[in-house]
Amino acid sequence: MKSQKRGMFSLSVIALTMLILMITQVTAFAGGKLVIYSPATRATSDMIVEMFNEKHPDIQVDIVSAGTGELATRIRAERARPGGDIMLTGGTETMDSMLDLLLPYKNVNDAAFTDQFKHPEHYYYAFSLPLQVFIVNTSLVSEEEAPKTWAELGDPKWKGKMIWANPSVSGSAYAQLGIMLQMYGWDLVQNVINNASITSSSRISYQNVANGEYAIGMTGESNVFNLMEEGYPVIPIYPEDGTALRFDTVSIIKNGPNTENAKKFMDFMTSKEAMTRVAMEESRRMGRVDVDVKPGLKPTDQIKFMDYDEAAAAANKMEILEKFDDLFAAKGK
């Protein structure tokens, strides 16, 4: 009799264990997955995933990191069967050229965004405002000697001392190209190409200035402030002839594998709580009007802005990049 009871007890334990495993698997399946494509630094995307999982611990999040241009190419190539759900920090110049691959979604925080910082049909919302500045290594060039305008970047004295990411793969570099074109035309761009080493990554560009391999680069202001906090001898120069008041975005990829979870992410990422933490920890100006700028950043009303035509930059992107590639190729001959 005792052995029968032991046998029945053992079977009960096995059955209970199997039930727990089944419940765990069902719960995990119910949470599902989320795939985020992002040109942001891994530190930024990892922090955002950590925050999101505090709210949604049952959703497994995968990050695919690459340049904006590379990710846009991937999304286009995956049109028939998308592999991603979210595009995080893609610039409007890129996203406006691929609206047919995005899913419009009016998120729960829509009212916190002015019309200036969201798509009128809700294809995307502003994530942050990456103001493009010059990054200068003060161990190599003093603040007084550093270029103060976009036009000065074309001065031959900076030849070999400057680095620039390739606009074909970097969204921020394309914005820099667009700013120079709209202000001064192709003559300036030609001179900057002649002066600069062109690299395949915006991250390599500003990091190599911080490391002292180059004296000058172009990047979003948050990258400079984050490097300053890490102890690198760099400063931002806000161009005296103006920079663009533009924004990068968060959007849902159309027909992605986890659309409902993508909507949950959009509701989360556009919240005041999430954007405030990103603003303070990443030195970013955010898309919501009620999120404060981190102390130490230059007040927005003290920055000169140009009249930047984002629509033109988006509409003519292919043609502009083709000409840039021609000029860059000619440099090596």
Foldseek 3Di string as FASTA:
>chain_A
DVVVVVVVVVVVVVVVVVVVVVVVVVLLVVLEEAEEEEQDDPVLVVVLVVVLCVVRVSYHYHYDHFALLVVLVQLVVCQVPDAHWKYPFRFPLSCVLPLVQFDADCAPCNVLFDPVAAPPRRQWGFFFFQWKWKKFQCVVPNPVRDDQALQCLLPLVLAQQAAAEQVNGHRFSLLVVLVCCVVPRDVSVLSNLRRYDYHHGPVCRNVCCQVVSHGMYMTGQLVNVVSVVVPGRIDTRQHPVATARTGTTMTTGPPHPCNVVSSVSVNVSSDQVNSLVCQAPRQTGGRGPPHDHHPPDDDPVVHGHDPGDSVVSNVCVVVVSVVSVVSNVVSVD
